[in-house]
C-alpha atoms as a PDB file:
ATOM      1  CA  MET A   1       6.578  12.335  -5.502  1.00  0.00           C
ATOM      2  CA  LYS A   2       3.736  13.615  -7.662  1.00  0.00           C
ATOM      3  CA  THR A   3       2.819  16.097  -4.960  1.00  0.00           C
ATOM      4  CA  THR A   4       6.329  17.548  -5.025  1.00  0.00           C
ATOM      5  CA  SER A   5       6.094  17.812  -8.794  1.00  0.00           C
ATOM      6  CA  LEU A   6       2.775  19.621  -8.564  1.00  0.00           C
ATOM      7  CA  PHE A   7       4.066  22.006  -5.946  1.00  0.00           C
ATOM      8  CA  THR A   8       7.007  22.689  -8.241  1.00  0.00           C
ATOM      9  CA  THR A   9       4.575  23.328 -11.100  1.00  0.00           C
ATOM     10  CA  PHE A  10       2.548  25.622  -8.863  1.00  0.00           C
ATOM     11  CA  TYR A  11       5.591  27.654  -7.933  1.00  0.00           C
ATOM     12  CA  GLN A  12       6.736  27.761 -11.547  1.00  0.00           C
ATOM     13  CA  LEU A  13       3.357  29.150 -12.580  1.00  0.00           C
ATOM     14  CA  LEU A  14       3.494  31.672  -9.757  1.00  0.00           C
ATOM     15  CA  PHE A  15       7.020  32.662 -10.795  1.00  0.00           C
ATOM     16  CA  LEU A  16       5.984  33.013 -14.442  1.00  0.00           C
ATOM     17  CA  GLY A  17       3.030  35.138 -13.384  1.00  0.00           C
ATOM     18  CA  THR A  18       5.334  37.377 -11.388  1.00  0.00           C
ATOM     19  CA  VAL A  19       7.781  37.621 -14.293  1.00  0.00           C
ATOM     20  CA  ALA A  20       4.887  38.430 -16.632  1.00  0.00           C
ATOM     21  CA  LEU A  21       3.715  41.175 -14.293  1.00  0.00           C
ATOM     22  CA  SER A  22       7.221  42.557 -14.035  1.00  0.00           C
ATOM     23  CA  THR A  23       7.780  42.337 -17.780  1.00  0.00           C
ATOM     24  CA  VAL A  24       4.524  44.098 -18.558  1.00  0.00           C
ATOM     25  CA  GLY A  25       5.396  46.826 -16.089  1.00  0.00           C
ATOM     26  CA  CYS A  26       9.013  47.205 -17.219  1.00  0.00           C
ATOM     27  CA  SER A  27       8.845  46.691 -20.971  1.00  0.00           C
ATOM     28  CA  SER A  28       6.177  49.135 -21.889  1.00  0.00           C
ATOM     29  CA  ASN A  29       6.435  52.892 -21.800  1.00  0.00           C
ATOM     30  CA  LYS A  30       2.742  53.314 -21.279  1.00  0.00           C
ATOM     31  CA  THR A  31       1.381  54.099 -17.894  1.00  0.00           C
ATOM     32  CA  LEU A  32       0.208  51.124 -15.935  1.00  0.00           C
ATOM     33  CA  THR A  33      -3.473  51.450 -15.189  1.00  0.00           C
ATOM     34  CA  HIS A  34      -5.611  50.036 -12.443  1.00  0.00           C
ATOM     35  CA  GLN A  35      -7.332  47.922 -15.099  1.00  0.00           C
ATOM     36  CA  ASP A  36      -3.969  46.429 -16.213  1.00  0.00           C
ATOM     37  CA  VAL A  37      -3.072  45.485 -12.656  1.00  0.00           C
ATOM     38  CA  LYS A  38      -6.535  44.086 -12.026  1.00  0.00           C
ATOM     39  CA  LYS A  39      -6.281  41.949 -15.185  1.00  0.00           C
ATOM     40  CA  ASP A  40      -2.836  40.624 -14.193  1.00  0.00           C
ATOM     41  CA  VAL A  41      -4.025  39.843 -10.675  1.00  0.00           C
ATOM     42  CA  THR A  42      -7.054  37.998 -12.051  1.00  0.00           C
ATOM     43  CA  GLU A  43      -4.841  35.943 -14.369  1.00  0.00           C
ATOM     44  CA  ALA A  44      -2.509  35.110 -11.493  1.00  0.00           C
ATOM     45  CA  GLN A  45      -5.469  34.116  -9.308  1.00  0.00           C
ATOM     46  CA  GLU A  46      -6.792  31.860 -12.064  1.00  0.00           C
ATOM     47  CA  ALA A  47      -3.371  30.239 -12.464  1.00  0.00           C
ATOM     48  CA  THR A  48      -3.143  29.781  -8.703  1.00  0.00           C
ATOM     49  CA  GLN A  49      -6.609  28.198  -8.586  1.00  0.00           C
ATOM     50  CA  GLU A  50      -5.681  25.853 -11.421  1.00  0.00           C
ATOM     51  CA  ALA A  51      -2.506  24.857  -9.558  1.00  0.00           C
ATOM     52  CA  ARG A  52      -4.564  24.229  -6.380  1.00  0.00           C
ATOM     53  CA  GLU A  53      -6.964  22.014  -8.310  1.00  0.00           C
ATOM     54  CA  LYS A  54      -4.114  20.048  -9.870  1.00  0.00           C
ATOM     55  CA  THR A  55      -2.483  19.658  -6.468  1.00  0.00           C
ATOM     56  CA  GLN A  56      -5.751  18.420  -4.943  1.00  0.00           C
ATOM     57  CA  ALA A  57      -6.209  15.971  -7.812  1.00  0.00           C
ATOM     58  CA  ALA A  58      -2.664  14.690  -7.296  1.00  0.00           C
ATOM     59  CA  ILE A  59      -3.266  14.227  -3.565  1.00  0.00           C
ATOM     60  CA  GLU A  60      -6.471  12.309  -4.267  1.00  0.00           C
ATOM     61  CA  SER A  61      -4.682  10.157  -6.846  1.00  0.00           C
ATOM     62  CA  ARG A  62      -1.919   9.391  -4.360  1.00  0.00           C
ATOM     63  CA  GLU A  63      -4.448   8.426  -1.690  1.00  0.00           C
ATOM     64  CA  GLN A  64      -6.264   6.150  -4.142  1.00  0.00           C
ATOM     65  CA  TYR A  65      -2.956   4.574  -5.177  1.00  0.00           C
ATOM     66  CA  TYR A  66      -2.106   3.789  -1.544  1.00  0.00           C
ATOM     67  CA  ALA A  67      -5.603   2.429  -0.903  1.00  0.00           C
ATOM     68  CA  ASP A  68      -5.339   0.173  -3.955  1.00  0.00           C
ATOM     69  CA  TYR A  69      -1.817  -0.885  -2.990  1.00  0.00           C
ATOM     70  CA  ARG A  70      -2.966  -1.685   0.536  1.00  0.00           C
ATOM     71  CA  GLU A  71      -5.905  -3.741  -0.755  1.00  0.00           C
ATOM     72  CA  THR A  72      -3.585  -5.666  -3.072  1.00  0.00           C
ATOM     73  CA  ARG A  73      -1.147  -6.452  -0.255  1.00  0.00           C
ATOM     74  CA  ILE A  74      -3.957  -7.544   2.083  1.00  0.00           C
ATOM     75  CA  GLN A  75      -5.438  -9.751  -0.659  1.00  0.00           C
ATOM     76  CA  GLU A  76      -2.024 -11.372  -1.073  1.00  0.00           C
ATOM     77  CA  LEU A  77      -1.941 -12.124   2.669  1.00  0.00           C
ATOM     78  CA  GLU A  78      -5.412 -13.647   2.475  1.00  0.00           C
ATOM     79  CA  ASN A  79      -4.424 -15.750  -0.546  1.00  0.00           C
ATOM     80  CA  ARG A  80      -1.332 -17.026   1.249  1.00  0.00           C
ATOM     81  CA  SER A  81      -3.444 -17.751   4.321  1.00  0.00           C
ATOM     82  CA  ASN A  82      -5.866 -19.770   2.174  1.00  0.00           C
ATOM     83  CA  GLU A  83      -2.913 -21.619   0.682  1.00  0.00           C
ATOM     84  CA  ILE A  84      -1.780 -22.516   4.221  1.00  0.00           C
ATOM     85  CA  ASP A  85      -5.243 -23.984   4.880  1.00  0.00           C
ATOM     86  CA  LYS A  86      -4.897 -26.095   1.746  1.00  0.00           C
ATOM     87  CA  LYS A  87      -1.422 -27.305   2.764  1.00  0.00           C
ATOM     88  CA  ILE A  88      -2.705 -28.262   6.210  1.00  0.00           C
ATOM     89  CA  ARG A  89      -5.530 -30.286   4.628  1.00  0.00           C
ATOM     90  CA  ASP A  90      -3.032 -31.960   2.286  1.00  0.00           C
ATOM     91  CA  LEU A  91      -0.725 -32.768   5.204  1.00  0.00           C
ATOM     92  CA  LYS A  92      -3.597 -34.375   7.101  1.00  0.00           C
ATOM     93  CA  LYS A  93      -4.362 -36.578   4.097  1.00  0.00           C
ATOM     94  CA  ILE A  94      -0.716 -37.533   3.655  1.00  0.00           C
ATOM     95  CA  SER A  95      -0.279 -38.308   7.343  1.00  0.00           C
ATOM     96  CA  LYS A  96      -3.244 -40.720   7.290  1.00  0.00           C
ATOM     97  CA  ASP A  97      -1.504 -42.802   4.624  1.00  0.00           C
ATOM     98  CA  SER A  98       1.998 -42.631   6.051  1.00  0.00           C
ATOM     99  CA  PRO A  99       3.496 -45.873   7.368  1.00  0.00           C
ATOM    100  CA  ASN A 100       5.689 -43.922   9.802  1.00  0.00           C
ATOM    101  CA  GLN A 101       3.333 -43.634  12.784  1.00  0.00           C
ATOM    102  CA  GLN A 102       5.946 -41.850  14.913  1.00  0.00           C
ATOM    103  CA  ALA A 103       6.174 -39.096  12.290  1.00  0.00           C
ATOM    104  CA  VAL A 104       2.380 -39.026  11.912  1.00  0.00           C
ATOM    105  CA  SER A 105       1.922 -38.417  15.616  1.00  0.00           C
ATOM    106  CA  ASN A 106       4.472 -35.598  15.582  1.00  0.00           C
ATOM    107  CA  VAL A 107       2.991 -34.102  12.433  1.00  0.00           C
ATOM    108  CA  ASN A 108      -0.544 -34.182  13.820  1.00  0.00           C
ATOM    109  CA  SER A 109       0.630 -32.369  16.973  1.00  0.00           C
ATOM    110  CA  ALA A 110       2.440 -29.812  14.853  1.00  0.00           C
ATOM    111  CA  ILE A 111      -0.630 -29.372  12.634  1.00  0.00           C
ATOM    112  CA  LEU A 112      -2.800 -28.615  15.667  1.00  0.00           C
ATOM    113  CA  ALA A 113      -0.293 -25.998  16.835  1.00  0.00           C
ATOM    114  CA  LEU A 114      -0.130 -24.489  13.350  1.00  0.00           C
ATOM    115  CA  GLN A 115      -3.927 -24.357  13.138  1.00  0.00           C
ATOM    116  CA  ASP A 116      -3.963 -22.357  16.379  1.00  0.00           C
ATOM    117  CA  GLU A 117      -1.364 -20.007  14.938  1.00  0.00           C
ATOM    118  CA  LYS A 118      -3.372 -19.805  11.728  1.00  0.00           C
ATOM    119  CA  SER A 119      -6.456 -18.727  13.677  1.00  0.00           C
ATOM    120  CA  ASP A 120      -4.396 -16.005  15.322  1.00  0.00           C
ATOM    121  CA  LEU A 121      -3.037 -15.087  11.901  1.00  0.00           C
ATOM    122  CA  ASN A 122      -6.565 -14.662  10.490  1.00  0.00           C
ATOM    123  CA  ARG A 123      -7.414 -12.360  13.390  1.00  0.00           C
ATOM    124  CA  ARG A 124      -4.290 -10.317  12.690  1.00  0.00           C
ATOM    125  CA  ILE A 125      -5.180 -10.027   9.001  1.00  0.00           C
ATOM    126  CA  GLU A 126      -8.581  -8.666  10.009  1.00  0.00           C
ATOM    127  CA  ASN A 127      -6.803  -6.173  12.286  1.00  0.00           C
ATOM    128  CA  VAL A 128      -4.588  -5.038   9.404  1.00  0.00           C
ATOM    129  CA  LYS A 129      -7.715  -4.457   7.301  1.00  0.00           C
ATOM    130  CA  ALA A 130      -9.212  -2.300  10.047  1.00  0.00           C
ATOM    131  CA  LEU A 131      -6.143  -0.095  10.534  1.00  0.00           C
ATOM    132  CA  GLU A 132      -5.874   3.410   9.167  1.00  0.00           C
ATOM    133  CA  ALA A 133      -4.010   3.585   5.880  1.00  0.00           C
ATOM    134  CA  LYS A 134      -1.001   5.273   7.470  1.00  0.00           C
ATOM    135  CA  ASP A 135      -0.682   2.622  10.218  1.00  0.00           C
ATOM    136  CA  TRP A 136      -1.097  -0.612   8.298  1.00  0.00           C
ATOM    137  CA  SER A 137       2.426  -1.126   6.960  1.00  0.00           C
ATOM    138  CA  ALA A 138       4.071  -2.359  10.179  1.00  0.00           C
ATOM    139  CA  SER A 139       1.181  -4.718  10.908  1.00  0.00           C
ATOM    140  CA  TYR A 140       1.313  -6.004   7.354  1.00  0.00           C
ATOM    141  CA  GLN A 141       5.000  -6.837   7.767  1.00  0.00           C
ATOM    142  CA  GLU A 142       4.343  -8.712  11.023  1.00  0.00           C
ATOM    143  CA  VAL A 143       1.605 -10.799   9.423  1.00  0.00           C
ATOM    144  CA  ASP A 144       3.743 -11.400   6.337  1.00  0.00           C
ATOM    145  CA  GLN A 145       6.575 -12.713   8.533  1.00  0.00           C
ATOM    146  CA  ALA A 146       4.173 -14.933  10.484  1.00  0.00           C
ATOM    147  CA  ILE A 147       2.798 -16.418   7.263  1.00  0.00           C
ATOM    148  CA  THR A 148       6.309 -17.013   5.960  1.00  0.00           C
ATOM    149  CA  ARG A 149       7.224 -18.818   9.181  1.00  0.00           C
ATOM    150  CA  ILE A 150       4.110 -21.026   9.057  1.00  0.00           C
ATOM    151  CA  GLU A 151       4.771 -21.808   5.397  1.00  0.00           C
ATOM    152  CA  GLY A 152       8.297 -22.885   6.345  1.00  0.00           C
ATOM    153  CA  GLU A 153       7.002 -25.116   9.139  1.00  0.00           C
ATOM    154  CA  LEU A 154       4.491 -26.726   6.771  1.00  0.00           C
ATOM    155  CA  ASN A 155       7.251 -27.427   4.254  1.00  0.00           C
ATOM    156  CA  LYS A 156       9.347 -29.076   6.986  1.00  0.00           C
ATOM    157  CA  LEU A 157       6.380 -31.183   8.054  1.00  0.00           C
ATOM    158  CA  SER A 158       5.735 -32.258   4.463  1.00  0.00           C
ATOM    159  CA  GLN A 159       9.339 -33.300   4.087  1.00  0.00           C
ATOM    160  CA  SER A 160       9.233 -35.308   7.324  1.00  0.00           C
ATOM    161  CA  LEU A 161       6.347 -37.397   5.959  1.00  0.00           C
ATOM    162  CA  GLU A 162       8.096 -38.235   2.708  1.00  0.00           C
ATOM    163  CA  PRO A 163       9.328 -41.826   2.490  1.00  0.00           C
ATOM    164  CA  ARG A 164      13.052 -42.195   2.927  1.00  0.00           C
END
């Protein structure tokens, strides 16, 4: 969006330069000299260069914003992944103390399966980190959905170990 704004600014400056050139040529009765034209062209070139520099700065700012945004999103995935590790450890502790051995056996099997998925999830997070900035969004969404699913399974397992 900033880029569009800067391009608009660039074209506005270019338009104003053209209007200024036209106004200078039309409003005065004096003869336009080569020096006058050269001065106007130089001013227009300076304005164009300034617009280019502003556009480049805006592009760099946008790229930095997306890099920072990407890092933030990836850090969130890693934090959620770490939280899953903690929940798995907590579930293991709870299952040791549970009197319902049938549930404990089922929970332990489910925990092993979730740990395998978690390992795959960590690999996928590393893949998201390695992707080009323009390609990471779809992979991020896949990992986010996988984490959400594992979190849901862990919540179900926790509830199954609660005394009734």
